[in-house]
Amino acid sequence: MDFIGSKAKINSWIFSIISKNIEKSPVFFVDGCAGSGSTSRYFLSRGFDVISNDLLSFSSPMVEGYILPASKVSNAQRCIDEINNSDGERGFFYKNYSAQSGRMYFTDDNAKLIDFCRDYISGIRDSQLKQYLLYCGLEALSRASNTTGVQAAFLKAFKERAKQRFELRCEPRIDFQGKVVTHNIDIVELAEKVGTPGSILYIDPPYNNRQYGPNYHLYETFVRYDEPTLTGKTGLRKDWKTEGKSKFCNRDGLIAVLQKIVACSRFDTIYLSYSTDGIAGIEDISGAFDSEITVHVKPTTRYKSDTDTKRKYNTRPLSELLFEIQKENSS
């Protein structure tokens, strides 16, 4: 899935730090800003019980779909074959996000296939199977979208990948016998509700003022399939601010939310994933707490689509940061 900020490439580093600093598996690994679900899935694959949360709805099937029981794989394959063998239908995506609509997010044929896919999934009664098919559909939608990786705008000509037929695949899954819970609520509310001694809270908020709602609205509408009112040339969801506006996208908001979480939650340890390119610096975050804080640093490379080496932005060293915040009353 196209998703800026995914920790897929550094999840092993994150896991090595968190697992080394606990004596036994916590009650839950709580992923407070799960996004594409890559970190939640990584911890699931390592046997952790997981609570996964994000303001945006599409995050949930990316996590729940990953644990489809092996006994249901053949049913999933049958459904995928039926979806892929369709000629499509004219629905919301065709009317609003196809070439004929003037918004070139998808070819006309692919938009019709997406509509058929989503209508088909709506008829699935088995919740586990439905979440898996949504997960597969989101990955297929990402492959077919005519964007640069974010969805606030479409390209003026179809790139080669977007010309390929929209097609579902059987996406990776695991057999998992533990507990998985997903939420789509404010992270402070989450911390107040689910924090228990021994559990780990991991937060991966936006690093800059880019809101994820407008940038991933196609994923959100695919999962909700609620025919939202659209706005603007690019057809954003009109109510995206009330549906999923993040408080982390400015420095003051970031610090305030973090302080609330540390103050109100019952977690012994809170991990914050951040970047040296973030809107708040190491000193800003560390200085906001009286608690003991350790900062783990991992040098990394910039997003590969940003290749203009003449820009000063590209010449600065970049590192991923993992803040380890100990509650004052923790042992």
C-alpha atoms as a PDB file:
ATOM      1  CA  MET A   1       0.000   0.000   0.000  1.00  0.00           C
ATOM      2  CA  ASP A   2       1.187   3.529  -0.826  1.00  0.00           C
ATOM      3  CA  PHE A   3       1.451   5.207   2.559  1.00  0.00           C
ATOM      4  CA  ILE A   4       4.024   7.804   3.528  1.00  0.00           C
ATOM      5  CA  GLY A   5       5.263   7.236   7.047  1.00  0.00           C
ATOM      6  CA  SER A   6       4.901   3.450   7.015  1.00  0.00           C
ATOM      7  CA  LYS A   7       7.394   1.785   9.333  1.00  0.00           C
ATOM      8  CA  ALA A   8       7.603  -1.399   7.263  1.00  0.00           C
ATOM      9  CA  LYS A   9      11.345  -0.964   6.670  1.00  0.00           C
ATOM     10  CA  ILE A  10      12.236  -0.317  10.318  1.00  0.00           C
ATOM     11  CA  ASN A  11       9.726  -2.427  12.227  1.00  0.00           C
ATOM     12  CA  SER A  12      12.448  -4.920  13.119  1.00  0.00           C
ATOM     13  CA  TRP A  13      14.476  -2.086  14.703  1.00  0.00           C
ATOM     14  CA  ILE A  14      11.440  -0.847  16.645  1.00  0.00           C
ATOM     15  CA  PHE A  15      10.665  -4.370  17.800  1.00  0.00           C
ATOM     16  CA  SER A  16      14.249  -5.020  18.899  1.00  0.00           C
ATOM     17  CA  ILE A  17      14.143  -1.983  21.203  1.00  0.00           C
ATOM     18  CA  ILE A  18      10.697  -2.587  22.655  1.00  0.00           C
ATOM     19  CA  SER A  19      11.160  -6.327  23.168  1.00  0.00           C
ATOM     20  CA  LYS A  20      14.568  -5.803  24.814  1.00  0.00           C
ATOM     21  CA  ASN A  21      13.113  -3.426  27.355  1.00  0.00           C
ATOM     22  CA  ILE A  22      10.369  -5.665  28.676  1.00  0.00           C
ATOM     23  CA  GLU A  23      10.800  -8.801  30.772  1.00  0.00           C
ATOM     24  CA  LYS A  24       7.827 -10.589  29.262  1.00  0.00           C
ATOM     25  CA  SER A  25       5.183 -10.002  26.638  1.00  0.00           C
ATOM     26  CA  PRO A  26       2.880  -7.163  27.732  1.00  0.00           C
ATOM     27  CA  VAL A  27      -0.843  -7.547  28.174  1.00  0.00           C
ATOM     28  CA  PHE A  28      -1.229  -5.713  24.861  1.00  0.00           C
ATOM     29  CA  PHE A  29       0.908  -3.910  22.343  1.00  0.00           C
ATOM     30  CA  VAL A  30      -1.176  -0.796  21.699  1.00  0.00           C
ATOM     31  CA  ASP A  31      -0.560   0.887  18.341  1.00  0.00           C
ATOM     32  CA  GLY A  32      -2.115   4.308  18.867  1.00  0.00           C
ATOM     33  CA  CYS A  33      -1.697   5.736  15.333  1.00  0.00           C
ATOM     34  CA  ALA A  34      -1.710   2.563  13.263  1.00  0.00           C
ATOM     35  CA  GLY A  35      -2.046   4.071   9.769  1.00  0.00           C
ATOM     36  CA  SER A  36      -1.435   1.337   7.197  1.00  0.00           C
ATOM     37  CA  GLY A  37      -1.172  -1.201  10.016  1.00  0.00           C
ATOM     38  CA  SER A  38       2.371  -2.359   9.258  1.00  0.00           C
ATOM     39  CA  THR A  39       3.619  -2.104  12.854  1.00  0.00           C
ATOM     40  CA  SER A  40       0.507  -3.745  14.291  1.00  0.00           C
ATOM     41  CA  ARG A  41       0.944  -6.596  11.810  1.00  0.00           C
ATOM     42  CA  TYR A  42       4.615  -6.930  12.684  1.00  0.00           C
ATOM     43  CA  PHE A  43       3.874  -7.318  16.387  1.00  0.00           C
ATOM     44  CA  LEU A  44       1.056  -9.756  15.605  1.00  0.00           C
ATOM     45  CA  SER A  45       3.531 -11.852  13.632  1.00  0.00           C
ATOM     46  CA  ARG A  46       5.751 -11.928  16.735  1.00  0.00           C
ATOM     47  CA  GLY A  47       2.950 -13.285  18.884  1.00  0.00           C
ATOM     48  CA  PHE A  48       1.848 -10.106  20.663  1.00  0.00           C
ATOM     49  CA  ASP A  49      -1.778  -9.394  21.478  1.00  0.00           C
ATOM     50  CA  VAL A  50      -2.553  -6.086  19.758  1.00  0.00           C
ATOM     51  CA  ILE A  51      -4.885  -3.143  20.148  1.00  0.00           C
ATOM     52  CA  SER A  52      -4.689  -1.108  16.940  1.00  0.00           C
ATOM     53  CA  ASN A  53      -6.158   2.371  16.611  1.00  0.00           C
ATOM     54  CA  ASP A  54      -6.353   5.139  14.040  1.00  0.00           C
ATOM     55  CA  LEU A  55      -8.738   8.008  13.374  1.00  0.00           C
ATOM     56  CA  LEU A  56      -9.151   6.755   9.803  1.00  0.00           C
ATOM     57  CA  SER A  57     -11.355   3.731   9.210  1.00  0.00           C
ATOM     58  CA  PHE A  58      -9.265   2.023   6.560  1.00  0.00           C
ATOM     59  CA  SER A  59      -6.607   1.135   9.132  1.00  0.00           C
ATOM     60  CA  SER A  60      -8.808  -1.502  10.798  1.00  0.00           C
ATOM     61  CA  PRO A  61      -9.149  -3.999   7.912  1.00  0.00           C
ATOM     62  CA  MET A  62      -5.418  -3.686   7.228  1.00  0.00           C
ATOM     63  CA  VAL A  63      -4.897  -5.218  10.678  1.00  0.00           C
ATOM     64  CA  GLU A  64      -7.938  -7.470  11.127  1.00  0.00           C
ATOM     65  CA  GLY A  65      -7.642  -8.845   7.611  1.00  0.00           C
ATOM     66  CA  TYR A  66      -4.085  -9.979   8.325  1.00  0.00           C
ATOM     67  CA  ILE A  67      -5.274 -12.686  10.739  1.00  0.00           C
ATOM     68  CA  LEU A  68      -7.757 -14.470   8.494  1.00  0.00           C
ATOM     69  CA  PRO A  69      -7.958 -18.081   9.747  1.00  0.00           C
ATOM     70  CA  ALA A  70      -6.433 -20.681   7.450  1.00  0.00           C
ATOM     71  CA  SER A  71      -9.800 -22.447   7.300  1.00  0.00           C
ATOM     72  CA  LYS A  72     -11.238 -19.461   5.401  1.00  0.00           C
ATOM     73  CA  VAL A  73      -8.484 -18.993   2.813  1.00  0.00           C
ATOM     74  CA  SER A  74     -10.242 -21.122   0.199  1.00  0.00           C
ATOM     75  CA  ASN A  75     -13.419 -19.056   0.602  1.00  0.00           C
ATOM     76  CA  ALA A  76     -11.356 -15.886   0.249  1.00  0.00           C
ATOM     77  CA  GLN A  77      -9.780 -17.192  -2.956  1.00  0.00           C
ATOM     78  CA  ARG A  78     -13.210 -18.031  -4.370  1.00  0.00           C
ATOM     79  CA  CYS A  79     -14.437 -14.491  -3.611  1.00  0.00           C
ATOM     80  CA  ILE A  80     -11.321 -12.936  -5.106  1.00  0.00           C
ATOM     81  CA  ASP A  81     -11.767 -14.979  -8.286  1.00  0.00           C
ATOM     82  CA  GLU A  82     -15.380 -13.861  -8.600  1.00  0.00           C
ATOM     83  CA  ILE A  83     -14.409 -10.212  -8.118  1.00  0.00           C
ATOM     84  CA  ASN A  84     -11.552 -10.436 -10.608  1.00  0.00           C
ATOM     85  CA  ASN A  85     -13.733 -12.109 -13.235  1.00  0.00           C
ATOM     86  CA  SER A  86     -16.258  -9.273 -13.158  1.00  0.00           C
ATOM     87  CA  ASP A  87     -16.785  -6.685 -15.898  1.00  0.00           C
ATOM     88  CA  GLY A  88     -17.505  -4.075 -13.225  1.00  0.00           C
ATOM     89  CA  GLU A  89     -20.428  -1.748 -12.631  1.00  0.00           C
ATOM     90  CA  ARG A  90     -21.053   1.985 -12.625  1.00  0.00           C
ATOM     91  CA  GLY A  91     -21.112   3.170  -9.034  1.00  0.00           C
ATOM     92  CA  PHE A  92     -19.662   5.891  -6.836  1.00  0.00           C
ATOM     93  CA  PHE A  93     -16.031   5.505  -7.899  1.00  0.00           C
ATOM     94  CA  TYR A  94     -16.962   5.470 -11.569  1.00  0.00           C
ATOM     95  CA  LYS A  95     -19.159   8.551 -11.204  1.00  0.00           C
ATOM     96  CA  ASN A  96     -16.603  10.549  -9.213  1.00  0.00           C
ATOM     97  CA  TYR A  97     -13.059   9.180  -9.548  1.00  0.00           C
ATOM     98  CA  SER A  98     -12.720   7.996 -13.146  1.00  0.00           C
ATOM     99  CA  ALA A  99     -11.443   9.617 -16.319  1.00  0.00           C
ATOM    100  CA  GLN A 100     -14.972  10.267 -17.586  1.00  0.00           C
ATOM    101  CA  SER A 101     -15.771  12.155 -14.370  1.00  0.00           C
ATOM    102  CA  GLY A 102     -12.851  14.530 -14.918  1.00  0.00           C
ATOM    103  CA  ARG A 103     -10.966  13.207 -11.889  1.00  0.00           C
ATOM    104  CA  MET A 104      -8.333  10.870 -13.281  1.00  0.00           C
ATOM    105  CA  TYR A 105      -7.695   8.784 -10.198  1.00  0.00           C
ATOM    106  CA  PHE A 106      -8.610   5.604 -12.097  1.00  0.00           C
ATOM    107  CA  THR A 107      -9.303   4.503 -15.635  1.00  0.00           C
ATOM    108  CA  ASP A 108     -12.989   4.135 -16.394  1.00  0.00           C
ATOM    109  CA  ASP A 109     -12.699   0.337 -16.461  1.00  0.00           C
ATOM    110  CA  ASN A 110     -10.845   0.204 -13.159  1.00  0.00           C
ATOM    111  CA  ALA A 111     -13.310   2.527 -11.445  1.00  0.00           C
ATOM    112  CA  LYS A 112     -16.141   0.206 -12.481  1.00  0.00           C
ATOM    113  CA  LEU A 113     -14.212  -2.800 -11.184  1.00  0.00           C
ATOM    114  CA  ILE A 114     -13.642  -1.026  -7.861  1.00  0.00           C
ATOM    115  CA  ASP A 115     -17.374  -0.363  -7.570  1.00  0.00           C
ATOM    116  CA  PHE A 116     -18.210  -3.991  -8.254  1.00  0.00           C
ATOM    117  CA  CYS A 117     -15.579  -5.122  -5.771  1.00  0.00           C
ATOM    118  CA  ARG A 118     -16.903  -2.876  -3.032  1.00  0.00           C
ATOM    119  CA  ASP A 119     -20.534  -3.846  -3.625  1.00  0.00           C
ATOM    120  CA  TYR A 120     -19.540  -7.506  -3.580  1.00  0.00           C
ATOM    121  CA  ILE A 121     -17.712  -7.122  -0.270  1.00  0.00           C
ATOM    122  CA  SER A 122     -20.739  -5.354   1.219  1.00  0.00           C
ATOM    123  CA  GLY A 123     -22.685  -8.586   0.762  1.00  0.00           C
ATOM    124  CA  ILE A 124     -20.224 -10.707   2.752  1.00  0.00           C
ATOM    125  CA  ARG A 125     -21.671 -11.639   6.146  1.00  0.00           C
ATOM    126  CA  ASP A 126     -18.592 -13.325   7.639  1.00  0.00           C
ATOM    127  CA  SER A 127     -16.788 -10.423   9.375  1.00  0.00           C
ATOM    128  CA  GLN A 128     -13.335 -12.038   9.211  1.00  0.00           C
ATOM    129  CA  LEU A 129     -13.667 -12.759   5.518  1.00  0.00           C
ATOM    130  CA  LYS A 130     -15.052  -9.277   4.888  1.00  0.00           C
ATOM    131  CA  GLN A 131     -12.096  -7.603   6.622  1.00  0.00           C
ATOM    132  CA  TYR A 132      -9.648  -9.713   4.634  1.00  0.00           C
ATOM    133  CA  LEU A 133     -11.324  -8.813   1.333  1.00  0.00           C
ATOM    134  CA  LEU A 134     -11.257  -5.122   2.273  1.00  0.00           C
ATOM    135  CA  TYR A 135      -7.544  -5.486   3.020  1.00  0.00           C
ATOM    136  CA  CYS A 136      -6.982  -7.129  -0.377  1.00  0.00           C
ATOM    137  CA  GLY A 137      -9.142  -4.477  -2.049  1.00  0.00           C
ATOM    138  CA  LEU A 138      -7.183  -1.625  -0.489  1.00  0.00           C
ATOM    139  CA  GLU A 139      -3.923  -3.077  -1.765  1.00  0.00           C
ATOM    140  CA  ALA A 140      -5.435  -3.481  -5.241  1.00  0.00           C
ATOM    141  CA  LEU A 141      -6.784   0.073  -5.174  1.00  0.00           C
ATOM    142  CA  SER A 142      -3.330   1.365  -4.248  1.00  0.00           C
ATOM    143  CA  ARG A 143      -1.759  -0.445  -7.196  1.00  0.00           C
ATOM    144  CA  ALA A 144      -4.326   0.986  -9.627  1.00  0.00           C
ATOM    145  CA  SER A 145      -4.429   4.602  -8.426  1.00  0.00           C
ATOM    146  CA  ASN A 146      -3.115   7.349 -10.693  1.00  0.00           C
ATOM    147  CA  THR A 147      -1.327   9.361  -8.000  1.00  0.00           C
ATOM    148  CA  THR A 148       2.184  10.076  -6.773  1.00  0.00           C
ATOM    149  CA  GLY A 149       1.632   8.147  -3.561  1.00  0.00           C
ATOM    150  CA  VAL A 150      -0.738  10.533  -1.809  1.00  0.00           C
ATOM    151  CA  GLN A 151      -4.297  11.121  -2.959  1.00  0.00           C
ATOM    152  CA  ALA A 152      -4.848  14.855  -2.556  1.00  0.00           C
ATOM    153  CA  ALA A 153      -4.453  15.158  -6.326  1.00  0.00           C
ATOM    154  CA  PHE A 154      -4.411  12.953  -9.428  1.00  0.00           C
ATOM    155  CA  LEU A 155      -1.983  12.943 -12.347  1.00  0.00           C
ATOM    156  CA  LYS A 156      -2.968  14.580 -15.634  1.00  0.00           C
ATOM    157  CA  ALA A 157      -2.026  11.503 -17.642  1.00  0.00           C
ATOM    158  CA  PHE A 158      -2.317   7.866 -16.655  1.00  0.00           C
ATOM    159  CA  LYS A 159       0.964   6.327 -15.535  1.00  0.00           C
ATOM    160  CA  GLU A 160       1.716   2.793 -16.630  1.00  0.00           C
ATOM    161  CA  ARG A 161       0.825   1.196 -13.308  1.00  0.00           C
ATOM    162  CA  ALA A 162      -2.593   2.875 -13.299  1.00  0.00           C
ATOM    163  CA  LYS A 163      -3.343   1.446 -16.742  1.00  0.00           C
ATOM    164  CA  GLN A 164      -3.107  -2.092 -15.399  1.00  0.00           C
ATOM    165  CA  ARG A 165      -6.351  -3.857 -14.558  1.00  0.00           C
ATOM    166  CA  PHE A 166      -7.624  -3.509 -10.988  1.00  0.00           C
ATOM    167  CA  GLU A 167      -7.157  -6.959  -9.567  1.00  0.00           C
ATOM    168  CA  LEU A 168      -7.220  -8.451  -6.097  1.00  0.00           C
ATOM    169  CA  ARG A 169      -4.541 -10.829  -4.850  1.00  0.00           C
ATOM    170  CA  CYS A 170      -4.477 -13.099  -1.841  1.00  0.00           C
ATOM    171  CA  GLU A 171      -2.475 -10.825   0.456  1.00  0.00           C
ATOM    172  CA  PRO A 172      -0.153 -12.114   3.206  1.00  0.00           C
ATOM    173  CA  ARG A 173      -1.859 -13.385   6.336  1.00  0.00           C
ATOM    174  CA  ILE A 174      -0.911 -15.303   9.465  1.00  0.00           C
ATOM    175  CA  ASP A 175      -2.501 -17.868  11.734  1.00  0.00           C
ATOM    176  CA  PHE A 176      -2.985 -16.090  15.045  1.00  0.00           C
ATOM    177  CA  GLN A 177      -4.568 -17.395  18.207  1.00  0.00           C
ATOM    178  CA  GLY A 178      -4.235 -14.286  20.360  1.00  0.00           C
ATOM    179  CA  LYS A 179      -6.322 -11.165  20.811  1.00  0.00           C
ATOM    180  CA  VAL A 180      -6.737  -8.350  18.304  1.00  0.00           C
ATOM    181  CA  VAL A 181      -8.913  -5.285  18.852  1.00  0.00           C
ATOM    182  CA  THR A 182      -9.200  -2.289  16.531  1.00  0.00           C
ATOM    183  CA  HIS A 183     -10.534   1.193  17.249  1.00  0.00           C
ATOM    184  CA  ASN A 184     -11.072   4.430  15.325  1.00  0.00           C
ATOM    185  CA  ILE A 185     -11.060   6.937  18.179  1.00  0.00           C
ATOM    186  CA  ASP A 186      -9.053   9.870  19.507  1.00  0.00           C
ATOM    187  CA  ILE A 187      -5.772   8.660  20.969  1.00  0.00           C
ATOM    188  CA  VAL A 188      -6.301  10.371  24.345  1.00  0.00           C
ATOM    189  CA  GLU A 189      -9.628   8.555  24.671  1.00  0.00           C
ATOM    190  CA  LEU A 190      -7.855   5.343  23.702  1.00  0.00           C
ATOM    191  CA  ALA A 191      -5.144   5.840  26.344  1.00  0.00           C
ATOM    192  CA  GLU A 192      -7.761   6.465  29.030  1.00  0.00           C
ATOM    193  CA  LYS A 193      -9.744   3.369  28.049  1.00  0.00           C
ATOM    194  CA  VAL A 194      -7.183   0.648  27.385  1.00  0.00           C
ATOM    195  CA  GLY A 195      -4.032   1.522  29.319  1.00  0.00           C
ATOM    196  CA  THR A 196      -3.071  -1.193  31.784  1.00  0.00           C
ATOM    197  CA  PRO A 197       0.177  -1.767  33.690  1.00  0.00           C
ATOM    198  CA  GLY A 198       2.427  -4.011  31.618  1.00  0.00           C
ATOM    199  CA  SER A 199       0.971  -2.959  28.268  1.00  0.00           C
ATOM    200  CA  ILE A 200       3.037  -0.952  25.802  1.00  0.00           C
ATOM    201  CA  LEU A 201       1.707   2.142  24.041  1.00  0.00           C
ATOM    202  CA  TYR A 202       3.398   2.933  20.733  1.00  0.00           C
ATOM    203  CA  ILE A 203       2.565   6.207  18.971  1.00  0.00           C
ATOM    204  CA  ASP A 204       3.535   7.006  15.384  1.00  0.00           C
ATOM    205  CA  PRO A 205       1.952  10.422  14.700  1.00  0.00           C
ATOM    206  CA  PRO A 206       2.284  12.615  11.596  1.00  0.00           C
ATOM    207  CA  TYR A 207       5.636  14.434  11.552  1.00  0.00           C
ATOM    208  CA  ASN A 208       4.493  17.574   9.748  1.00  0.00           C
ATOM    209  CA  ASN A 209       1.357  19.582   9.003  1.00  0.00           C
ATOM    210  CA  ARG A 210       0.199  17.180   6.274  1.00  0.00           C
ATOM    211  CA  GLN A 211      -3.177  15.778   7.306  1.00  0.00           C
ATOM    212  CA  TYR A 212      -3.714  12.148   6.369  1.00  0.00           C
ATOM    213  CA  GLY A 213      -7.463  12.510   5.751  1.00  0.00           C
ATOM    214  CA  PRO A 214      -7.155  14.358   2.419  1.00  0.00           C
ATOM    215  CA  ASN A 215      -4.066  12.417   1.403  1.00  0.00           C
ATOM    216  CA  TYR A 216      -5.691   8.992   1.766  1.00  0.00           C
ATOM    217  CA  HIS A 217      -9.347   9.774   1.130  1.00  0.00           C
ATOM    218  CA  LEU A 218      -9.685   7.084  -1.552  1.00  0.00           C
ATOM    219  CA  TYR A 219      -8.802   4.369   0.965  1.00  0.00           C
ATOM    220  CA  GLU A 220     -11.243   5.854   3.449  1.00  0.00           C
ATOM    221  CA  THR A 221     -14.119   6.030   0.961  1.00  0.00           C
ATOM    222  CA  PHE A 222     -13.411   2.503  -0.278  1.00  0.00           C
ATOM    223  CA  VAL A 223     -13.760   1.110   3.247  1.00  0.00           C
ATOM    224  CA  ARG A 224     -16.681   3.279   4.343  1.00  0.00           C
ATOM    225  CA  TYR A 225     -18.333   3.175   0.903  1.00  0.00           C
ATOM    226  CA  ASP A 226     -20.739   5.772   2.207  1.00  0.00           C
ATOM    227  CA  GLU A 227     -21.112   7.985  -0.889  1.00  0.00           C
ATOM    228  CA  PRO A 228     -19.812  11.099   0.908  1.00  0.00           C
ATOM    229  CA  THR A 229     -20.361  14.644  -0.243  1.00  0.00           C
ATOM    230  CA  LEU A 230     -17.251  15.653  -2.171  1.00  0.00           C
ATOM    231  CA  THR A 231     -15.551  19.007  -2.470  1.00  0.00           C
ATOM    232  CA  GLY A 232     -13.099  20.657  -4.819  1.00  0.00           C
ATOM    233  CA  LYS A 233     -11.522  19.691  -8.107  1.00  0.00           C
ATOM    234  CA  THR A 234      -9.907  16.641  -6.558  1.00  0.00           C
ATOM    235  CA  GLY A 235     -13.057  15.359  -4.847  1.00  0.00           C
ATOM    236  CA  LEU A 236     -12.005  15.247  -1.217  1.00  0.00           C
ATOM    237  CA  ARG A 237     -14.463  14.087   1.395  1.00  0.00           C
ATOM    238  CA  LYS A 238     -16.180  17.302   2.499  1.00  0.00           C
ATOM    239  CA  ASP A 239     -16.309  16.262   6.171  1.00  0.00           C
ATOM    240  CA  TRP A 240     -12.751  14.940   6.450  1.00  0.00           C
ATOM    241  CA  LYS A 241     -11.921  17.431   9.240  1.00  0.00           C
ATOM    242  CA  THR A 242     -14.606  16.094  11.534  1.00  0.00           C
ATOM    243  CA  GLU A 243     -13.923  12.500  10.500  1.00  0.00           C
ATOM    244  CA  GLY A 244     -10.187  12.396  11.067  1.00  0.00           C
ATOM    245  CA  LYS A 245      -8.303  15.661  11.566  1.00  0.00           C
ATOM    246  CA  SER A 246      -5.164  14.937  13.594  1.00  0.00           C
ATOM    247  CA  LYS A 247      -4.105  17.148  16.500  1.00  0.00           C
ATOM    248  CA  PHE A 248      -0.515  16.057  15.946  1.00  0.00           C
ATOM    249  CA  CYS A 249      -0.022  18.154  12.795  1.00  0.00           C
ATOM    250  CA  ASN A 250       1.327  21.231  14.568  1.00  0.00           C
ATOM    251  CA  ARG A 251       4.025  21.550  17.224  1.00  0.00           C
ATOM    252  CA  ASP A 252       1.826  22.810  20.052  1.00  0.00           C
ATOM    253  CA  GLY A 253      -0.829  20.217  19.359  1.00  0.00           C
ATOM    254  CA  LEU A 254       1.743  17.430  19.331  1.00  0.00           C
ATOM    255  CA  ILE A 255       3.210  18.409  22.695  1.00  0.00           C
ATOM    256  CA  ALA A 256      -0.202  18.967  24.285  1.00  0.00           C
ATOM    257  CA  VAL A 257      -1.551  15.576  23.194  1.00  0.00           C
ATOM    258  CA  LEU A 258       1.580  13.756  24.338  1.00  0.00           C
ATOM    259  CA  GLN A 259       1.393  15.422  27.745  1.00  0.00           C
ATOM    260  CA  LYS A 260      -2.267  14.407  28.094  1.00  0.00           C
ATOM    261  CA  ILE A 261      -1.473  10.825  27.185  1.00  0.00           C
ATOM    262  CA  VAL A 262       1.365  10.549  29.676  1.00  0.00           C
ATOM    263  CA  ALA A 263      -0.723  12.222  32.384  1.00  0.00           C
ATOM    264  CA  CYS A 264      -3.950  10.269  31.928  1.00  0.00           C
ATOM    265  CA  SER A 265      -2.876   6.795  30.875  1.00  0.00           C
ATOM    266  CA  ARG A 266      -1.904   3.819  32.994  1.00  0.00           C
ATOM    267  CA  PHE A 267       0.862   2.660  30.681  1.00  0.00           C
ATOM    268  CA  ASP A 268       4.246   2.184  32.350  1.00  0.00           C
ATOM    269  CA  THR A 269       6.135   2.927  29.146  1.00  0.00           C
ATOM    270  CA  ILE A 270       5.162   4.964  26.103  1.00  0.00           C
ATOM    271  CA  TYR A 271       7.121   4.848  22.845  1.00  0.00           C
ATOM    272  CA  LEU A 272       6.929   7.723  20.383  1.00  0.00           C
ATOM    273  CA  SER A 273       8.150   7.198  16.837  1.00  0.00           C
ATOM    274  CA  TYR A 274       9.332  10.415  15.270  1.00  0.00           C
ATOM    275  CA  SER A 275      11.821  11.943  12.827  1.00  0.00           C
ATOM    276  CA  THR A 276      14.538  14.566  12.798  1.00  0.00           C
ATOM    277  CA  ASP A 277      12.465  16.215  10.049  1.00  0.00           C
ATOM    278  CA  GLY A 278       9.477  16.576  12.375  1.00  0.00           C
ATOM    279  CA  ILE A 279       7.816  19.845  13.334  1.00  0.00           C
ATOM    280  CA  ALA A 280       9.095  19.365  16.894  1.00  0.00           C
ATOM    281  CA  GLY A 281      12.726  18.757  17.799  1.00  0.00           C
ATOM    282  CA  ILE A 282      14.260  16.302  20.239  1.00  0.00           C
ATOM    283  CA  GLU A 283      14.615  19.070  22.839  1.00  0.00           C
ATOM    284  CA  ASP A 284      10.959  20.116  22.381  1.00  0.00           C
ATOM    285  CA  ILE A 285       9.687  16.619  23.091  1.00  0.00           C
ATOM    286  CA  SER A 286      12.163  15.658  25.804  1.00  0.00           C
ATOM    287  CA  GLY A 287      11.655  18.966  27.607  1.00  0.00           C
ATOM    288  CA  ALA A 288       7.888  18.493  27.782  1.00  0.00           C
ATOM    289  CA  PHE A 289       8.111  15.794  30.456  1.00  0.00           C
ATOM    290  CA  ASP A 290       9.562  15.279  33.910  1.00  0.00           C
ATOM    291  CA  SER A 291       9.649  11.557  33.205  1.00  0.00           C
ATOM    292  CA  GLU A 292      12.794   9.640  32.311  1.00  0.00           C
ATOM    293  CA  ILE A 293      13.262   9.656  28.523  1.00  0.00           C
ATOM    294  CA  THR A 294      15.621   7.659  26.317  1.00  0.00           C
ATOM    295  CA  VAL A 295      15.977   8.565  22.637  1.00  0.00           C
ATOM    296  CA  HIS A 296      16.947   5.800  20.202  1.00  0.00           C
ATOM    297  CA  VAL A 297      18.278   7.001  16.834  1.00  0.00           C
ATOM    298  CA  LYS A 298      18.423   5.224  13.470  1.00  0.00           C
ATOM    299  CA  PRO A 299      19.895   7.030  10.413  1.00  0.00           C
ATOM    300  CA  THR A 300      17.708   6.550   7.365  1.00  0.00           C
ATOM    301  CA  THR A 301      17.130   7.805   3.810  1.00  0.00           C
ATOM    302  CA  ARG A 302      14.520  10.167   2.466  1.00  0.00           C
ATOM    303  CA  TYR A 303      11.384   9.234   0.597  1.00  0.00           C
ATOM    304  CA  LYS A 304      12.689   8.163  -2.804  1.00  0.00           C
ATOM    305  CA  SER A 305      10.334  10.301  -4.885  1.00  0.00           C
ATOM    306  CA  ASP A 306      12.112  13.391  -3.564  1.00  0.00           C
ATOM    307  CA  THR A 307      15.226  13.215  -5.767  1.00  0.00           C
ATOM    308  CA  ASP A 308      16.155  16.838  -6.502  1.00  0.00           C
ATOM    309  CA  THR A 309      19.632  16.990  -4.945  1.00  0.00           C
ATOM    310  CA  LYS A 310      19.855  20.748  -5.550  1.00  0.00           C
ATOM    311  CA  ARG A 311      17.350  21.360  -2.796  1.00  0.00           C
ATOM    312  CA  LYS A 312      18.803  21.994   0.651  1.00  0.00           C
ATOM    313  CA  TYR A 313      16.040  19.812   2.034  1.00  0.00           C
ATOM    314  CA  ASN A 314      17.694  16.781   0.508  1.00  0.00           C
ATOM    315  CA  THR A 315      21.165  17.415   1.892  1.00  0.00           C
ATOM    316  CA  ARG A 316      20.321  17.298   5.586  1.00  0.00           C
ATOM    317  CA  PRO A 317      20.943  14.033   7.453  1.00  0.00           C
ATOM    318  CA  LEU A 318      17.730  12.213   8.335  1.00  0.00           C
ATOM    319  CA  SER A 319      17.141   9.871  11.250  1.00  0.00           C
ATOM    320  CA  GLU A 320      14.214   7.980  12.686  1.00  0.00           C
ATOM    321  CA  LEU A 321      13.725   8.551  16.414  1.00  0.00           C
ATOM    322  CA  LEU A 322      12.132   6.347  19.019  1.00  0.00           C
ATOM    323  CA  PHE A 323      11.428   8.137  22.310  1.00  0.00           C
ATOM    324  CA  GLU A 324      11.084   5.826  25.295  1.00  0.00           C
ATOM    325  CA  ILE A 325       9.074   7.651  27.960  1.00  0.00           C
ATOM    326  CA  GLN A 326       8.887   6.098  31.426  1.00  0.00           C
ATOM    327  CA  LYS A 327       6.010   7.084  33.667  1.00  0.00           C
ATOM    328  CA  GLU A 328       7.199   8.707  36.880  1.00  0.00           C
ATOM    329  CA  ASN A 329       5.458   6.135  39.022  1.00  0.00           C
ATOM    330  CA  SER A 330       6.615   3.144  36.999  1.00  0.00           C
ATOM    331  CA  SER A 331       8.981   0.661  38.550  1.00  0.00           C
END
